[in-house]
């Protein structure tokens, strides 16, 4: 029997190692409700439209994820700076907030298989550059102390820029990078692609994204540690969504070539054999 045809509630009843199911799994199964932290101020991941409706890629993904687990969804507003605190305190059962699965976060949280893959890109003013190589000899902004700083230097070096180090302009935060780009103090800004999408959306048609790296950086659902039963239930649901096409439908809606936020997803969703 294919995994996608097995009801999630049935999986819960036949869980092979019940001892691995922690308090979150037990609470969710008992209440049939999952509390998911979702962004409400990040375009296009999760935001309020002009009518106040809560929409976005991760809002749709979280809704469909709950549906595939046969659970009622309780949406909780979080931000990229608050999701960890709320999850740690038990205010939510899972966080879906443009979270990159990193070694640093792995020390405190557990993660699902990826549901989306980010890539590093450069945000440039419309018509100023088509390729990263076009920025040779020009200034590129990056957040100070971030991995994007070194990545920008490496990109310029690869383009043959002998002044790569001097041409990377470090800024204390992302709003400062965006301001420098808007004031034409820099020719581009290198950062996470989905983050740059958010800033580009503030001035539709004024910017364009340029490929900076093909390396995929996974976005995953974050949960509390030591609850493998809950993690596996989420993983099964994500894999089911990939298998039945519902995940691709949501991705195409928000990031497909005909969408307002076109952004190719290069990674492949991990699936496990039966």
C-alpha atoms as a PDB file:
ATOM      1  CA  UNK A   1       0.000   0.000   0.000  1.00  0.00           C
ATOM      2  CA  UNK A   2       1.370   3.410  -0.954  1.00  0.00           C
ATOM      3  CA  UNK A   3       2.100   5.760   1.919  1.00  0.00           C
ATOM      4  CA  UNK A   4      -0.169   8.450   0.460  1.00  0.00           C
ATOM      5  CA  UNK A   5      -3.186   6.127   0.823  1.00  0.00           C
ATOM      6  CA  UNK A   6      -2.682   5.436   4.529  1.00  0.00           C
ATOM      7  CA  UNK A   7      -4.814   7.738   6.729  1.00  0.00           C
ATOM      8  CA  UNK A   8      -2.628   9.647   9.126  1.00  0.00           C
ATOM      9  CA  UNK A   9      -4.819   8.850  12.113  1.00  0.00           C
ATOM     10  CA  UNK A  10      -4.362   5.160  11.305  1.00  0.00           C
ATOM     11  CA  UNK A  11      -0.602   5.633  11.273  1.00  0.00           C
ATOM     12  CA  UNK A  12      -0.854   7.045  14.769  1.00  0.00           C
ATOM     13  CA  UNK A  13      -2.653   3.927  15.975  1.00  0.00           C
ATOM     14  CA  UNK A  14      -0.047   1.552  14.592  1.00  0.00           C
ATOM     15  CA  UNK A  15       3.040   3.574  15.553  1.00  0.00           C
ATOM     16  CA  UNK A  16       5.786   0.960  15.961  1.00  0.00           C
ATOM     17  CA  UNK A  17       7.699   2.514  18.885  1.00  0.00           C
ATOM     18  CA  UNK A  18       5.169   4.314  21.069  1.00  0.00           C
ATOM     19  CA  UNK A  19       7.869   5.408  23.521  1.00  0.00           C
ATOM     20  CA  UNK A  20       9.313   7.815  20.937  1.00  0.00           C
ATOM     21  CA  UNK A  21       6.104   9.812  20.840  1.00  0.00           C
ATOM     22  CA  UNK A  22       6.520  12.853  23.052  1.00  0.00           C
ATOM     23  CA  UNK A  23       4.114  15.307  24.667  1.00  0.00           C
ATOM     24  CA  UNK A  24       3.394  17.290  21.491  1.00  0.00           C
ATOM     25  CA  UNK A  25       2.428  14.171  19.554  1.00  0.00           C
ATOM     26  CA  UNK A  26       0.183  13.026  22.414  1.00  0.00           C
ATOM     27  CA  UNK A  27      -1.500  16.424  22.770  1.00  0.00           C
ATOM     28  CA  UNK A  28      -2.100  16.820  19.033  1.00  0.00           C
ATOM     29  CA  UNK A  29      -3.560  13.309  18.720  1.00  0.00           C
ATOM     30  CA  UNK A  30      -5.824  13.876  21.710  1.00  0.00           C
ATOM     31  CA  UNK A  31      -7.117  17.281  20.596  1.00  0.00           C
ATOM     32  CA  UNK A  32      -7.023  16.650  16.814  1.00  0.00           C
ATOM     33  CA  UNK A  33      -5.731  20.236  16.565  1.00  0.00           C
ATOM     34  CA  UNK A  34      -2.286  21.484  15.613  1.00  0.00           C
ATOM     35  CA  UNK A  35      -1.041  24.965  16.514  1.00  0.00           C
ATOM     36  CA  UNK A  36       1.283  26.202  13.792  1.00  0.00           C
ATOM     37  CA  UNK A  37       3.333  29.386  13.955  1.00  0.00           C
ATOM     38  CA  UNK A  38       3.105  31.192  10.621  1.00  0.00           C
ATOM     39  CA  UNK A  39       4.463  34.523   9.350  1.00  0.00           C
ATOM     40  CA  UNK A  40       2.074  37.418   8.871  1.00  0.00           C
ATOM     41  CA  UNK A  41       4.457  40.205   7.802  1.00  0.00           C
ATOM     42  CA  UNK A  42       6.629  38.492   5.183  1.00  0.00           C
ATOM     43  CA  UNK A  43       5.777  38.674   1.473  1.00  0.00           C
ATOM     44  CA  UNK A  44       5.056  36.194  -0.058  1.00  0.00           C
ATOM     45  CA  UNK A  45       5.521  33.656   2.759  1.00  0.00           C
ATOM     46  CA  UNK A  46       2.708  35.012   4.917  1.00  0.00           C
ATOM     47  CA  UNK A  47       1.109  38.459   4.988  1.00  0.00           C
ATOM     48  CA  UNK A  48      -2.168  40.348   5.239  1.00  0.00           C
ATOM     49  CA  UNK A  49      -3.738  41.410   1.946  1.00  0.00           C
ATOM     50  CA  UNK A  50      -5.464  44.833   1.542  1.00  0.00           C
ATOM     51  CA  UNK A  51      -8.657  43.303   2.931  1.00  0.00           C
ATOM     52  CA  UNK A  52      -6.903  41.960   6.002  1.00  0.00           C
ATOM     53  CA  UNK A  53      -6.987  38.341   4.840  1.00  0.00           C
ATOM     54  CA  UNK A  54      -4.019  36.240   5.969  1.00  0.00           C
ATOM     55  CA  UNK A  55      -2.457  34.719   2.844  1.00  0.00           C
ATOM     56  CA  UNK A  56       0.897  33.499   1.547  1.00  0.00           C
ATOM     57  CA  UNK A  57       2.909  30.468   0.500  1.00  0.00           C
ATOM     58  CA  UNK A  58       3.624  29.206   4.005  1.00  0.00           C
ATOM     59  CA  UNK A  59       0.065  29.924   5.125  1.00  0.00           C
ATOM     60  CA  UNK A  60      -1.205  27.703   2.292  1.00  0.00           C
ATOM     61  CA  UNK A  61       1.471  25.111   3.004  1.00  0.00           C
ATOM     62  CA  UNK A  62       0.617  24.974   6.719  1.00  0.00           C
ATOM     63  CA  UNK A  63      -3.093  24.672   5.927  1.00  0.00           C
ATOM     64  CA  UNK A  64      -2.500  21.791   3.525  1.00  0.00           C
ATOM     65  CA  UNK A  65      -0.071  20.114   5.917  1.00  0.00           C
ATOM     66  CA  UNK A  66      -2.705  20.048   8.677  1.00  0.00           C
ATOM     67  CA  UNK A  67      -5.234  18.695   6.195  1.00  0.00           C
ATOM     68  CA  UNK A  68      -2.893  15.852   5.212  1.00  0.00           C
ATOM     69  CA  UNK A  69      -2.511  14.977   8.898  1.00  0.00           C
ATOM     70  CA  UNK A  70      -6.312  15.027   9.366  1.00  0.00           C
ATOM     71  CA  UNK A  71      -5.901  17.759  11.956  1.00  0.00           C
ATOM     72  CA  UNK A  72      -7.665  21.044  12.576  1.00  0.00           C
ATOM     73  CA  UNK A  73      -5.312  23.982  12.096  1.00  0.00           C
ATOM     74  CA  UNK A  74      -4.912  26.763  14.639  1.00  0.00           C
ATOM     75  CA  UNK A  75      -2.813  29.512  13.051  1.00  0.00           C
ATOM     76  CA  UNK A  76      -0.565  31.527  15.354  1.00  0.00           C
ATOM     77  CA  UNK A  77       1.158  34.713  14.192  1.00  0.00           C
ATOM     78  CA  UNK A  78       4.936  34.644  14.563  1.00  0.00           C
ATOM     79  CA  UNK A  79       7.897  36.444  13.037  1.00  0.00           C
ATOM     80  CA  UNK A  80      11.402  35.314  12.156  1.00  0.00           C
ATOM     81  CA  UNK A  81      12.600  36.726  15.467  1.00  0.00           C
ATOM     82  CA  UNK A  82       9.810  35.270  17.655  1.00  0.00           C
ATOM     83  CA  UNK A  83       9.047  31.777  16.328  1.00  0.00           C
ATOM     84  CA  UNK A  84      11.862  30.171  18.332  1.00  0.00           C
ATOM     85  CA  UNK A  85      10.771  31.712  21.613  1.00  0.00           C
ATOM     86  CA  UNK A  86       7.131  30.738  21.088  1.00  0.00           C
ATOM     87  CA  UNK A  87       8.035  27.179  20.049  1.00  0.00           C
ATOM     88  CA  UNK A  88      10.436  26.805  22.967  1.00  0.00           C
ATOM     89  CA  UNK A  89       7.716  27.905  25.403  1.00  0.00           C
ATOM     90  CA  UNK A  90       5.180  25.443  23.973  1.00  0.00           C
ATOM     91  CA  UNK A  91       2.925  28.128  22.515  1.00  0.00           C
ATOM     92  CA  UNK A  92       2.933  26.319  19.156  1.00  0.00           C
ATOM     93  CA  UNK A  93       3.437  22.721  18.050  1.00  0.00           C
ATOM     94  CA  UNK A  94       5.394  23.579  14.903  1.00  0.00           C
ATOM     95  CA  UNK A  95       6.889  26.632  13.229  1.00  0.00           C
ATOM     96  CA  UNK A  96       6.768  27.372   9.514  1.00  0.00           C
ATOM     97  CA  UNK A  97       8.449  30.734   9.064  1.00  0.00           C
ATOM     98  CA  UNK A  98      11.051  30.722   6.282  1.00  0.00           C
ATOM     99  CA  UNK A  99      13.308  28.695   8.602  1.00  0.00           C
ATOM    100  CA  UNK A 100      16.606  27.469   7.182  1.00  0.00           C
ATOM    101  CA  UNK A 101      17.724  24.153   8.665  1.00  0.00           C
ATOM    102  CA  UNK A 102      21.176  25.006  10.013  1.00  0.00           C
ATOM    103  CA  UNK A 103      23.618  23.363  12.407  1.00  0.00           C
ATOM    104  CA  UNK A 104      23.147  26.202  14.876  1.00  0.00           C
ATOM    105  CA  UNK A 105      19.376  25.728  15.078  1.00  0.00           C
ATOM    106  CA  UNK A 106      19.764  21.939  15.089  1.00  0.00           C
ATOM    107  CA  UNK A 107      21.298  22.232  18.554  1.00  0.00           C
ATOM    108  CA  UNK A 108      17.988  23.469  19.955  1.00  0.00           C
ATOM    109  CA  UNK A 109      15.207  22.322  17.623  1.00  0.00           C
ATOM    110  CA  UNK A 110      14.300  19.373  15.443  1.00  0.00           C
ATOM    111  CA  UNK A 111      13.332  19.674  11.787  1.00  0.00           C
ATOM    112  CA  UNK A 112      11.203  18.027   9.141  1.00  0.00           C
ATOM    113  CA  UNK A 113      12.382  17.085   5.697  1.00  0.00           C
ATOM    114  CA  UNK A 114      12.599  20.230   3.510  1.00  0.00           C
ATOM    115  CA  UNK A 115       9.424  21.570   1.893  1.00  0.00           C
ATOM    116  CA  UNK A 116      11.169  24.304  -0.121  1.00  0.00           C
ATOM    117  CA  UNK A 117      14.689  25.116  -1.273  1.00  0.00           C
ATOM    118  CA  UNK A 118      16.094  28.615  -1.161  1.00  0.00           C
ATOM    119  CA  UNK A 119      19.125  29.787  -3.172  1.00  0.00           C
ATOM    120  CA  UNK A 120      21.406  32.792  -2.837  1.00  0.00           C
ATOM    121  CA  UNK A 121      20.576  35.593  -5.240  1.00  0.00           C
ATOM    122  CA  UNK A 122      21.453  39.209  -5.956  1.00  0.00           C
ATOM    123  CA  UNK A 123      18.808  41.915  -5.940  1.00  0.00           C
ATOM    124  CA  UNK A 124      19.601  44.575  -8.530  1.00  0.00           C
ATOM    125  CA  UNK A 125      17.789  47.564  -9.943  1.00  0.00           C
ATOM    126  CA  UNK A 126      15.756  46.655 -13.000  1.00  0.00           C
ATOM    127  CA  UNK A 127      17.832  46.638 -16.177  1.00  0.00           C
ATOM    128  CA  UNK A 128      21.208  47.188 -14.466  1.00  0.00           C
ATOM    129  CA  UNK A 129      22.518  43.607 -14.665  1.00  0.00           C
ATOM    130  CA  UNK A 130      21.511  40.247 -16.072  1.00  0.00           C
ATOM    131  CA  UNK A 131      24.264  38.036 -14.672  1.00  0.00           C
ATOM    132  CA  UNK A 132      26.446  38.104 -11.581  1.00  0.00           C
ATOM    133  CA  UNK A 133      29.447  38.713 -13.854  1.00  0.00           C
ATOM    134  CA  UNK A 134      27.920  42.028 -14.899  1.00  0.00           C
ATOM    135  CA  UNK A 135      28.630  43.348 -11.396  1.00  0.00           C
ATOM    136  CA  UNK A 136      32.409  43.048 -11.767  1.00  0.00           C
ATOM    137  CA  UNK A 137      34.038  46.220 -10.482  1.00  0.00           C
ATOM    138  CA  UNK A 138      30.809  47.443  -8.875  1.00  0.00           C
ATOM    139  CA  UNK A 139      29.692  47.622  -5.252  1.00  0.00           C
ATOM    140  CA  UNK A 140      27.655  44.783  -3.726  1.00  0.00           C
ATOM    141  CA  UNK A 141      25.904  45.059  -0.360  1.00  0.00           C
ATOM    142  CA  UNK A 142      25.797  42.273   2.229  1.00  0.00           C
ATOM    143  CA  UNK A 143      24.832  42.025   5.895  1.00  0.00           C
ATOM    144  CA  UNK A 144      27.877  42.461   8.106  1.00  0.00           C
ATOM    145  CA  UNK A 145      29.144  39.239   9.677  1.00  0.00           C
ATOM    146  CA  UNK A 146      26.863  37.027   7.606  1.00  0.00           C
ATOM    147  CA  UNK A 147      27.891  34.234   5.254  1.00  0.00           C
ATOM    148  CA  UNK A 148      26.659  36.433   2.410  1.00  0.00           C
ATOM    149  CA  UNK A 149      29.576  38.792   2.974  1.00  0.00           C
ATOM    150  CA  UNK A 150      32.157  36.143   2.060  1.00  0.00           C
ATOM    151  CA  UNK A 151      29.908  34.801  -0.682  1.00  0.00           C
ATOM    152  CA  UNK A 152      29.786  38.244  -2.320  1.00  0.00           C
ATOM    153  CA  UNK A 153      33.583  38.492  -2.243  1.00  0.00           C
ATOM    154  CA  UNK A 154      33.931  35.031  -3.776  1.00  0.00           C
ATOM    155  CA  UNK A 155      31.430  35.912  -6.486  1.00  0.00           C
ATOM    156  CA  UNK A 156      33.324  39.064  -7.474  1.00  0.00           C
ATOM    157  CA  UNK A 157      36.653  37.227  -7.431  1.00  0.00           C
ATOM    158  CA  UNK A 158      35.209  34.577  -9.733  1.00  0.00           C
ATOM    159  CA  UNK A 159      34.135  37.383 -12.074  1.00  0.00           C
ATOM    160  CA  UNK A 160      37.748  38.614 -12.178  1.00  0.00           C
ATOM    161  CA  UNK A 161      37.323  41.592  -9.881  1.00  0.00           C
ATOM    162  CA  UNK A 162      40.762  42.387  -8.392  1.00  0.00           C
ATOM    163  CA  UNK A 163      39.145  44.672  -5.794  1.00  0.00           C
ATOM    164  CA  UNK A 164      36.554  42.160  -4.627  1.00  0.00           C
ATOM    165  CA  UNK A 165      37.091  42.772  -0.906  1.00  0.00           C
ATOM    166  CA  UNK A 166      36.782  46.549  -1.263  1.00  0.00           C
ATOM    167  CA  UNK A 167      33.733  46.257  -3.506  1.00  0.00           C
ATOM    168  CA  UNK A 168      31.685  44.353  -0.937  1.00  0.00           C
ATOM    169  CA  UNK A 169      29.988  46.969   1.251  1.00  0.00           C
ATOM    170  CA  UNK A 170      28.895  45.627   4.644  1.00  0.00           C
ATOM    171  CA  UNK A 171      25.744  46.949   6.312  1.00  0.00           C
ATOM    172  CA  UNK A 172      24.443  46.251   9.827  1.00  0.00           C
ATOM    173  CA  UNK A 173      21.111  44.812   8.698  1.00  0.00           C
ATOM    174  CA  UNK A 174      18.911  44.056   5.691  1.00  0.00           C
ATOM    175  CA  UNK A 175      16.928  47.317   5.694  1.00  0.00           C
ATOM    176  CA  UNK A 176      20.257  49.154   5.411  1.00  0.00           C
ATOM    177  CA  UNK A 177      21.267  47.000   2.438  1.00  0.00           C
ATOM    178  CA  UNK A 178      17.957  47.695   0.735  1.00  0.00           C
ATOM    179  CA  UNK A 179      18.262  51.427   1.387  1.00  0.00           C
ATOM    180  CA  UNK A 180      21.764  51.479  -0.108  1.00  0.00           C
ATOM    181  CA  UNK A 181      20.475  49.700  -3.205  1.00  0.00           C
ATOM    182  CA  UNK A 182      17.530  52.056  -3.574  1.00  0.00           C
ATOM    183  CA  UNK A 183      19.853  55.050  -3.292  1.00  0.00           C
ATOM    184  CA  UNK A 184      22.146  53.472  -5.914  1.00  0.00           C
ATOM    185  CA  UNK A 185      25.048  53.455  -3.471  1.00  0.00           C
ATOM    186  CA  UNK A 186      25.519  49.803  -4.494  1.00  0.00           C
ATOM    187  CA  UNK A 187      24.734  47.954  -7.712  1.00  0.00           C
ATOM    188  CA  UNK A 188      23.378  44.852  -6.015  1.00  0.00           C
ATOM    189  CA  UNK A 189      22.632  43.146  -2.720  1.00  0.00           C
ATOM    190  CA  UNK A 190      23.486  39.487  -2.117  1.00  0.00           C
ATOM    191  CA  UNK A 191      21.318  37.515   0.303  1.00  0.00           C
ATOM    192  CA  UNK A 192      18.786  34.698   0.597  1.00  0.00           C
ATOM    193  CA  UNK A 193      16.548  34.595  -2.466  1.00  0.00           C
ATOM    194  CA  UNK A 194      13.242  34.347  -0.605  1.00  0.00           C
ATOM    195  CA  UNK A 195      14.248  37.247   1.627  1.00  0.00           C
ATOM    196  CA  UNK A 196      15.133  39.368  -1.391  1.00  0.00           C
ATOM    197  CA  UNK A 197      11.730  38.527  -2.870  1.00  0.00           C
ATOM    198  CA  UNK A 198      10.135  40.190   0.140  1.00  0.00           C
ATOM    199  CA  UNK A 199      12.061  43.418  -0.432  1.00  0.00           C
ATOM    200  CA  UNK A 200      11.529  43.377  -4.202  1.00  0.00           C
ATOM    201  CA  UNK A 201       7.782  43.163  -3.593  1.00  0.00           C
ATOM    202  CA  UNK A 202       7.885  46.599  -1.957  1.00  0.00           C
ATOM    203  CA  UNK A 203       8.496  48.135  -5.367  1.00  0.00           C
ATOM    204  CA  UNK A 204       6.940  45.837  -8.003  1.00  0.00           C
ATOM    205  CA  UNK A 205       8.818  46.006 -11.287  1.00  0.00           C
ATOM    206  CA  UNK A 206      11.664  48.061  -9.842  1.00  0.00           C
ATOM    207  CA  UNK A 207      14.064  45.205  -9.164  1.00  0.00           C
ATOM    208  CA  UNK A 208      15.164  41.876 -10.537  1.00  0.00           C
ATOM    209  CA  UNK A 209      16.773  38.791  -9.040  1.00  0.00           C
ATOM    210  CA  UNK A 210      20.058  37.491 -10.401  1.00  0.00           C
ATOM    211  CA  UNK A 211      21.370  33.985  -9.753  1.00  0.00           C
ATOM    212  CA  UNK A 212      24.312  33.998  -7.339  1.00  0.00           C
ATOM    213  CA  UNK A 213      24.554  30.299  -6.494  1.00  0.00           C
ATOM    214  CA  UNK A 214      22.883  27.050  -7.517  1.00  0.00           C
ATOM    215  CA  UNK A 215      23.403  25.508  -4.078  1.00  0.00           C
ATOM    216  CA  UNK A 216      20.037  24.705  -2.503  1.00  0.00           C
ATOM    217  CA  UNK A 217      19.378  25.777   1.088  1.00  0.00           C
ATOM    218  CA  UNK A 218      16.481  23.828   2.658  1.00  0.00           C
ATOM    219  CA  UNK A 219      13.544  25.402   4.444  1.00  0.00           C
ATOM    220  CA  UNK A 220      11.931  23.046   6.951  1.00  0.00           C
ATOM    221  CA  UNK A 221       9.277  22.828   9.652  1.00  0.00           C
ATOM    222  CA  UNK A 222      10.793  23.369  13.116  1.00  0.00           C
ATOM    223  CA  UNK A 223       9.527  21.463  16.151  1.00  0.00           C
ATOM    224  CA  UNK A 224      10.702  20.771  19.699  1.00  0.00           C
ATOM    225  CA  UNK A 225      13.354  18.101  20.157  1.00  0.00           C
ATOM    226  CA  UNK A 226      12.827  14.560  21.433  1.00  0.00           C
ATOM    227  CA  UNK A 227       9.471  13.931  19.786  1.00  0.00           C
ATOM    228  CA  UNK A 228      10.289  11.685  16.851  1.00  0.00           C
ATOM    229  CA  UNK A 229       6.714  10.490  16.517  1.00  0.00           C
ATOM    230  CA  UNK A 230       5.548  14.060  15.860  1.00  0.00           C
ATOM    231  CA  UNK A 231       8.438  14.736  13.492  1.00  0.00           C
ATOM    232  CA  UNK A 232       7.747  11.583  11.479  1.00  0.00           C
ATOM    233  CA  UNK A 233       4.052  12.371  11.218  1.00  0.00           C
ATOM    234  CA  UNK A 234       4.939  15.760   9.699  1.00  0.00           C
ATOM    235  CA  UNK A 235       7.504  14.128   7.413  1.00  0.00           C
ATOM    236  CA  UNK A 236       4.963  11.610   6.129  1.00  0.00           C
ATOM    237  CA  UNK A 237       2.491  14.410   5.414  1.00  0.00           C
ATOM    238  CA  UNK A 238       5.080  16.467   3.490  1.00  0.00           C
ATOM    239  CA  UNK A 239       6.043  13.427   1.448  1.00  0.00           C
ATOM    240  CA  UNK A 240       2.381  12.697   0.746  1.00  0.00           C
ATOM    241  CA  UNK A 241       1.938  16.292  -0.449  1.00  0.00           C
ATOM    242  CA  UNK A 242       4.912  15.886  -2.776  1.00  0.00           C
ATOM    243  CA  UNK A 243       3.538  12.595  -4.087  1.00  0.00           C
ATOM    244  CA  UNK A 244      -0.018  13.765  -4.751  1.00  0.00           C
ATOM    245  CA  UNK A 245       0.979  17.088  -6.321  1.00  0.00           C
ATOM    246  CA  UNK A 246      -0.570  19.354  -3.694  1.00  0.00           C
ATOM    247  CA  UNK A 247       2.808  20.785  -2.674  1.00  0.00           C
ATOM    248  CA  UNK A 248       3.716  21.581  -6.282  1.00  0.00           C
ATOM    249  CA  UNK A 249       0.335  23.265  -6.754  1.00  0.00           C
ATOM    250  CA  UNK A 250       1.009  25.590  -3.820  1.00  0.00           C
ATOM    251  CA  UNK A 251       4.564  26.309  -4.970  1.00  0.00           C
ATOM    252  CA  UNK A 252       3.393  27.098  -8.497  1.00  0.00           C
ATOM    253  CA  UNK A 253       0.691  29.402  -7.153  1.00  0.00           C
ATOM    254  CA  UNK A 254       3.229  31.573  -5.321  1.00  0.00           C
ATOM    255  CA  UNK A 255       6.556  30.933  -7.058  1.00  0.00           C
ATOM    256  CA  UNK A 256       5.719  29.529 -10.495  1.00  0.00           C
ATOM    257  CA  UNK A 257       6.910  31.238 -13.703  1.00  0.00           C
ATOM    258  CA  UNK A 258       3.544  32.971 -14.154  1.00  0.00           C
ATOM    259  CA  UNK A 259       3.288  34.141 -10.550  1.00  0.00           C
ATOM    260  CA  UNK A 260       4.113  37.572  -9.189  1.00  0.00           C
ATOM    261  CA  UNK A 261       7.020  36.079  -7.227  1.00  0.00           C
ATOM    262  CA  UNK A 262       8.617  33.749  -9.768  1.00  0.00           C
ATOM    263  CA  UNK A 263      11.312  31.733  -8.021  1.00  0.00           C
ATOM    264  CA  UNK A 264      12.454  28.306  -9.264  1.00  0.00           C
ATOM    265  CA  UNK A 265      12.639  25.622  -6.573  1.00  0.00           C
ATOM    266  CA  UNK A 266      15.673  23.532  -7.505  1.00  0.00           C
ATOM    267  CA  UNK A 267      15.714  20.942  -4.723  1.00  0.00           C
ATOM    268  CA  UNK A 268      13.932  17.602  -4.604  1.00  0.00           C
ATOM    269  CA  UNK A 269      11.626  16.701  -1.728  1.00  0.00           C
ATOM    270  CA  UNK A 270      13.000  13.731   0.178  1.00  0.00           C
ATOM    271  CA  UNK A 271      10.790  10.646   0.133  1.00  0.00           C
ATOM    272  CA  UNK A 272      11.272   7.360   1.939  1.00  0.00           C
ATOM    273  CA  UNK A 273      10.559   3.872   0.592  1.00  0.00           C
ATOM    274  CA  UNK A 274       7.763   1.828   2.134  1.00  0.00           C
END
